[in-house]
Amino acid sequence: MAMRAGIGYDIHARATGRPLVLGGVRFETDWGLDGHSDADVLAHAIGDALLGAASLGDLGHHFPPDDEKWRNVSSLKLLRLIRALLDGRGARIINVDATVVAAEPKLAPARDAMRENLARALKLAGGSVSVKATTNESLDALGRGEGIAAWAIAMVEVAD
């Protein structure tokens, strides 16, 4: 078995008339993020990191945005499907670390719920999932609240 790291990144623009979902938590806002699924940038970044660590491509390959089957789907479901792909290859997720970049809303009150949702979807102990948040200090589009982005890294043990 070999240890492999994968990195994931996702960004979505702010959109009115959509719910804001991050880490499977629905935030009470009058806006959400534009996207084909539920636009959960945190789950998407983690999914890409896991797929990358196992050399399995990316989210767009497995869940194409032009496939209506994935419209408005929960990104936690996508993570469960990614976990099943990894299991099918004998891979074992060691840990996931992610950072959300958002001017608003405040994420700290929901951090534990996000971690628990992500860990449950990935069948991991809560201590194996880390979620952090930051702002871009009013610099650039993210800092002005025009969207939200997330970065993630995953460590996976795979058959060599």
C-alpha atoms as a PDB file:
ATOM      1  CA  MET A   1       0.000   0.000   0.000  1.00  0.00           C
ATOM      2  CA  ALA A   2       1.150   3.541  -0.735  1.00  0.00           C
ATOM      3  CA  MET A   3       0.150   6.840   0.813  1.00  0.00           C
ATOM      4  CA  ARG A   4      -1.094   9.402  -1.697  1.00  0.00           C
ATOM      5  CA  ALA A   5      -2.183  13.007  -1.207  1.00  0.00           C
ATOM      6  CA  GLY A   6      -4.772  14.738  -3.350  1.00  0.00           C
ATOM      7  CA  ILE A   7      -5.762  18.379  -3.532  1.00  0.00           C
ATOM      8  CA  GLY A   8      -9.165  19.760  -4.411  1.00  0.00           C
ATOM      9  CA  TYR A   9     -10.484  23.225  -5.149  1.00  0.00           C
ATOM     10  CA  ASP A  10     -13.934  24.530  -5.972  1.00  0.00           C
ATOM     11  CA  ILE A  11     -15.518  27.946  -6.349  1.00  0.00           C
ATOM     12  CA  HIS A  12     -19.085  29.051  -7.053  1.00  0.00           C
ATOM     13  CA  ALA A  13     -20.603  32.470  -7.568  1.00  0.00           C
ATOM     14  CA  ARG A  14     -23.266  33.816  -5.264  1.00  0.00           C
ATOM     15  CA  ALA A  15     -26.826  33.363  -6.595  1.00  0.00           C
ATOM     16  CA  THR A  16     -30.178  34.540  -5.312  1.00  0.00           C
ATOM     17  CA  GLY A  17     -33.029  32.082  -5.066  1.00  0.00           C
ATOM     18  CA  ARG A  18     -30.852  29.128  -4.113  1.00  0.00           C
ATOM     19  CA  PRO A  19     -30.119  27.661  -0.691  1.00  0.00           C
ATOM     20  CA  LEU A  20     -26.613  28.010   0.719  1.00  0.00           C
ATOM     21  CA  VAL A  21     -25.234  24.577   1.609  1.00  0.00           C
ATOM     22  CA  LEU A  22     -21.711  24.035   2.954  1.00  0.00           C
ATOM     23  CA  GLY A  23     -20.553  20.719   4.353  1.00  0.00           C
ATOM     24  CA  GLY A  24     -24.140  19.516   4.156  1.00  0.00           C
ATOM     25  CA  VAL A  25     -25.356  22.320   6.440  1.00  0.00           C
ATOM     26  CA  ARG A  26     -28.043  24.626   5.103  1.00  0.00           C
ATOM     27  CA  PHE A  27     -27.427  28.223   6.157  1.00  0.00           C
ATOM     28  CA  GLU A  28     -30.231  30.715   6.758  1.00  0.00           C
ATOM     29  CA  THR A  29     -29.456  33.243   4.017  1.00  0.00           C
ATOM     30  CA  ASP A  30     -31.482  34.765   1.194  1.00  0.00           C
ATOM     31  CA  TRP A  31     -28.855  33.603  -1.302  1.00  0.00           C
ATOM     32  CA  GLY A  32     -26.892  30.497  -2.153  1.00  0.00           C
ATOM     33  CA  LEU A  33     -24.333  29.423  -4.708  1.00  0.00           C
ATOM     34  CA  ASP A  34     -24.800  28.874  -8.420  1.00  0.00           C
ATOM     35  CA  GLY A  35     -24.183  25.315  -9.519  1.00  0.00           C
ATOM     36  CA  HIS A  36     -25.670  22.178 -11.046  1.00  0.00           C
ATOM     37  CA  SER A  37     -25.838  20.153  -7.837  1.00  0.00           C
ATOM     38  CA  ASP A  38     -26.415  21.827  -4.468  1.00  0.00           C
ATOM     39  CA  ALA A  39     -23.180  23.788  -5.154  1.00  0.00           C
ATOM     40  CA  ASP A  40     -21.594  22.734  -1.845  1.00  0.00           C
ATOM     41  CA  VAL A  41     -18.053  23.971  -2.565  1.00  0.00           C
ATOM     42  CA  LEU A  42     -16.689  22.359   0.596  1.00  0.00           C
ATOM     43  CA  ALA A  43     -17.918  18.883  -0.316  1.00  0.00           C
ATOM     44  CA  HIS A  44     -16.829  19.391  -3.938  1.00  0.00           C
ATOM     45  CA  ALA A  45     -13.270  20.327  -2.953  1.00  0.00           C
ATOM     46  CA  ILE A  46     -13.066  17.296  -0.660  1.00  0.00           C
ATOM     47  CA  GLY A  47     -14.448  15.020  -3.370  1.00  0.00           C
ATOM     48  CA  ASP A  48     -11.856  16.239  -5.870  1.00  0.00           C
ATOM     49  CA  ALA A  49      -9.067  15.794  -3.324  1.00  0.00           C
ATOM     50  CA  LEU A  50     -10.131  12.198  -2.671  1.00  0.00           C
ATOM     51  CA  LEU A  51     -10.492  11.375  -6.360  1.00  0.00           C
ATOM     52  CA  GLY A  52      -7.113  12.953  -7.074  1.00  0.00           C
ATOM     53  CA  ALA A  53      -5.369  11.006  -4.325  1.00  0.00           C
ATOM     54  CA  ALA A  54      -6.653   7.764  -5.843  1.00  0.00           C
ATOM     55  CA  SER A  55      -5.946   8.874  -9.460  1.00  0.00           C
ATOM     56  CA  LEU A  56      -9.633   8.578 -10.318  1.00  0.00           C
ATOM     57  CA  GLY A  57     -10.148  11.841 -12.203  1.00  0.00           C
ATOM     58  CA  ASP A  58     -12.384  14.620 -10.930  1.00  0.00           C
ATOM     59  CA  LEU A  59     -15.979  15.410 -10.007  1.00  0.00           C
ATOM     60  CA  GLY A  60     -16.864  16.546 -13.526  1.00  0.00           C
ATOM     61  CA  HIS A  61     -15.798  13.176 -14.910  1.00  0.00           C
ATOM     62  CA  HIS A  62     -17.891  11.144 -12.458  1.00  0.00           C
ATOM     63  CA  PHE A  63     -20.824  13.564 -12.068  1.00  0.00           C
ATOM     64  CA  PRO A  64     -21.048  15.594 -15.309  1.00  0.00           C
ATOM     65  CA  PRO A  65     -22.811  18.948 -14.949  1.00  0.00           C
ATOM     66  CA  ASP A  66     -24.768  18.319 -18.147  1.00  0.00           C
ATOM     67  CA  ASP A  67     -26.325  15.140 -16.683  1.00  0.00           C
ATOM     68  CA  GLU A  68     -29.756  15.941 -15.238  1.00  0.00           C
ATOM     69  CA  LYS A  69     -29.360  13.033 -12.817  1.00  0.00           C
ATOM     70  CA  TRP A  70     -27.068  15.257 -10.735  1.00  0.00           C
ATOM     71  CA  ARG A  71     -29.213  18.450 -10.798  1.00  0.00           C
ATOM     72  CA  ASN A  72     -29.707  19.751  -7.240  1.00  0.00           C
ATOM     73  CA  VAL A  73     -28.324  16.500  -5.773  1.00  0.00           C
ATOM     74  CA  SER A  74     -26.824  16.652  -2.293  1.00  0.00           C
ATOM     75  CA  SER A  75     -23.058  16.798  -2.486  1.00  0.00           C
ATOM     76  CA  LEU A  76     -22.963  14.529   0.576  1.00  0.00           C
ATOM     77  CA  LYS A  77     -24.462  11.872  -1.708  1.00  0.00           C
ATOM     78  CA  LEU A  78     -21.619  12.515  -4.144  1.00  0.00           C
ATOM     79  CA  LEU A  79     -19.127  12.008  -1.306  1.00  0.00           C
ATOM     80  CA  ARG A  80     -20.806   8.700  -0.399  1.00  0.00           C
ATOM     81  CA  LEU A  81     -20.459   7.595  -4.038  1.00  0.00           C
ATOM     82  CA  ILE A  82     -16.799   8.654  -4.067  1.00  0.00           C
ATOM     83  CA  ARG A  83     -16.226   6.676  -0.868  1.00  0.00           C
ATOM     84  CA  ALA A  84     -17.751   3.636  -2.607  1.00  0.00           C
ATOM     85  CA  LEU A  85     -15.407   4.138  -5.583  1.00  0.00           C
ATOM     86  CA  LEU A  86     -12.428   4.227  -3.237  1.00  0.00           C
ATOM     87  CA  ASP A  87     -13.663   1.164  -1.351  1.00  0.00           C
ATOM     88  CA  GLY A  88     -13.993  -0.679  -4.658  1.00  0.00           C
ATOM     89  CA  ARG A  89     -10.313  -0.048  -5.317  1.00  0.00           C
ATOM     90  CA  GLY A  90      -9.233  -1.104  -1.842  1.00  0.00           C
ATOM     91  CA  ALA A  91      -8.291   2.461  -0.916  1.00  0.00           C
ATOM     92  CA  ARG A  92      -8.528   3.761   2.642  1.00  0.00           C
ATOM     93  CA  ILE A  93      -9.109   7.416   3.514  1.00  0.00           C
ATOM     94  CA  ILE A  94      -6.690   8.552   6.224  1.00  0.00           C
ATOM     95  CA  ASN A  95      -7.819  12.154   6.666  1.00  0.00           C
ATOM     96  CA  VAL A  96      -9.259  15.228   5.007  1.00  0.00           C
ATOM     97  CA  ASP A  97      -8.379  18.868   5.733  1.00  0.00           C
ATOM     98  CA  ALA A  98     -10.351  21.697   4.149  1.00  0.00           C
ATOM     99  CA  THR A  99     -10.541  25.481   4.217  1.00  0.00           C
ATOM    100  CA  VAL A 100     -13.547  27.519   3.111  1.00  0.00           C
ATOM    101  CA  VAL A 101     -12.969  31.078   1.896  1.00  0.00           C
ATOM    102  CA  ALA A 102     -16.109  33.144   2.508  1.00  0.00           C
ATOM    103  CA  ALA A 103     -16.817  36.742   3.435  1.00  0.00           C
ATOM    104  CA  GLU A 104     -20.145  35.605   4.879  1.00  0.00           C
ATOM    105  CA  PRO A 105     -21.902  33.936   6.583  1.00  0.00           C
ATOM    106  CA  LYS A 106     -19.965  33.191   9.762  1.00  0.00           C
ATOM    107  CA  LEU A 107     -19.052  29.510   9.551  1.00  0.00           C
ATOM    108  CA  ALA A 108     -17.671  28.897  13.047  1.00  0.00           C
ATOM    109  CA  PRO A 109     -21.093  28.161  14.612  1.00  0.00           C
ATOM    110  CA  ALA A 110     -21.703  25.395  12.037  1.00  0.00           C
ATOM    111  CA  ARG A 111     -18.174  23.974  11.886  1.00  0.00           C
ATOM    112  CA  ASP A 112     -18.869  20.929  14.061  1.00  0.00           C
ATOM    113  CA  ALA A 113     -22.058  20.089  12.142  1.00  0.00           C
ATOM    114  CA  MET A 114     -20.172  20.378   8.830  1.00  0.00           C
ATOM    115  CA  ARG A 115     -17.387  18.109  10.107  1.00  0.00           C
ATOM    116  CA  GLU A 116     -19.892  15.546  11.371  1.00  0.00           C
ATOM    117  CA  ASN A 117     -21.845  15.535   8.078  1.00  0.00           C
ATOM    118  CA  LEU A 118     -18.686  15.118   6.026  1.00  0.00           C
ATOM    119  CA  ALA A 119     -17.274  12.412   8.311  1.00  0.00           C
ATOM    120  CA  ARG A 120     -20.564  10.495   8.231  1.00  0.00           C
ATOM    121  CA  ALA A 121     -20.748  10.677   4.413  1.00  0.00           C
ATOM    122  CA  LEU A 122     -17.170   9.416   4.165  1.00  0.00           C
ATOM    123  CA  LYS A 123     -17.553   6.811   6.965  1.00  0.00           C
ATOM    124  CA  LEU A 124     -14.735   8.404   8.943  1.00  0.00           C
ATOM    125  CA  ALA A 125     -14.216   9.241  12.589  1.00  0.00           C
ATOM    126  CA  GLY A 126     -14.888  12.926  13.213  1.00  0.00           C
ATOM    127  CA  GLY A 127     -11.235  13.511  14.104  1.00  0.00           C
ATOM    128  CA  SER A 128     -10.234  12.521  10.571  1.00  0.00           C
ATOM    129  CA  VAL A 129     -12.018  15.531   9.052  1.00  0.00           C
ATOM    130  CA  SER A 130     -10.894  19.110   9.591  1.00  0.00           C
ATOM    131  CA  VAL A 131     -12.856  22.155   8.440  1.00  0.00           C
ATOM    132  CA  LYS A 132     -11.477  25.673   8.723  1.00  0.00           C
ATOM    133  CA  ALA A 133     -12.744  29.012   7.484  1.00  0.00           C
ATOM    134  CA  THR A 134     -11.173  32.280   6.471  1.00  0.00           C
ATOM    135  CA  THR A 135     -12.022  35.444   4.587  1.00  0.00           C
ATOM    136  CA  ASN A 136     -10.009  37.221   1.951  1.00  0.00           C
ATOM    137  CA  GLU A 137     -10.039  40.430   4.008  1.00  0.00           C
ATOM    138  CA  SER A 138     -12.221  42.295   1.474  1.00  0.00           C
ATOM    139  CA  LEU A 139      -9.656  41.632  -1.259  1.00  0.00           C
ATOM    140  CA  ASP A 140     -10.849  40.220  -4.610  1.00  0.00           C
ATOM    141  CA  ALA A 141     -14.251  38.754  -5.526  1.00  0.00           C
ATOM    142  CA  LEU A 142     -14.305  36.287  -2.629  1.00  0.00           C
ATOM    143  CA  GLY A 143     -13.388  38.998  -0.168  1.00  0.00           C
ATOM    144  CA  ARG A 144     -16.251  41.118  -1.502  1.00  0.00           C
ATOM    145  CA  GLY A 145     -18.709  38.229  -1.026  1.00  0.00           C
ATOM    146  CA  GLU A 146     -19.303  37.535  -4.718  1.00  0.00           C
ATOM    147  CA  GLY A 147     -18.839  33.812  -4.165  1.00  0.00           C
ATOM    148  CA  ILE A 148     -17.375  31.140  -1.924  1.00  0.00           C
ATOM    149  CA  ALA A 149     -14.405  28.826  -2.539  1.00  0.00           C
ATOM    150  CA  ALA A 150     -12.885  25.867  -0.760  1.00  0.00           C
ATOM    151  CA  TRP A 151      -9.552  24.074  -0.787  1.00  0.00           C
ATOM    152  CA  ALA A 152      -9.058  20.535   0.478  1.00  0.00           C
ATOM    153  CA  ILE A 153      -6.319  17.997   0.834  1.00  0.00           C
ATOM    154  CA  ALA A 154      -6.861  14.313   1.420  1.00  0.00           C
ATOM    155  CA  MET A 155      -4.500  11.535   2.419  1.00  0.00           C
ATOM    156  CA  VAL A 156      -5.473   8.137   1.046  1.00  0.00           C
ATOM    157  CA  GLU A 157      -3.807   4.754   1.289  1.00  0.00           C
ATOM    158  CA  VAL A 158      -4.012   2.965  -2.078  1.00  0.00           C
ATOM    159  CA  ALA A 159      -2.814  -0.308  -3.534  1.00  0.00           C
ATOM    160  CA  ASP A 160       0.383   0.288  -5.436  1.00  0.00           C
END
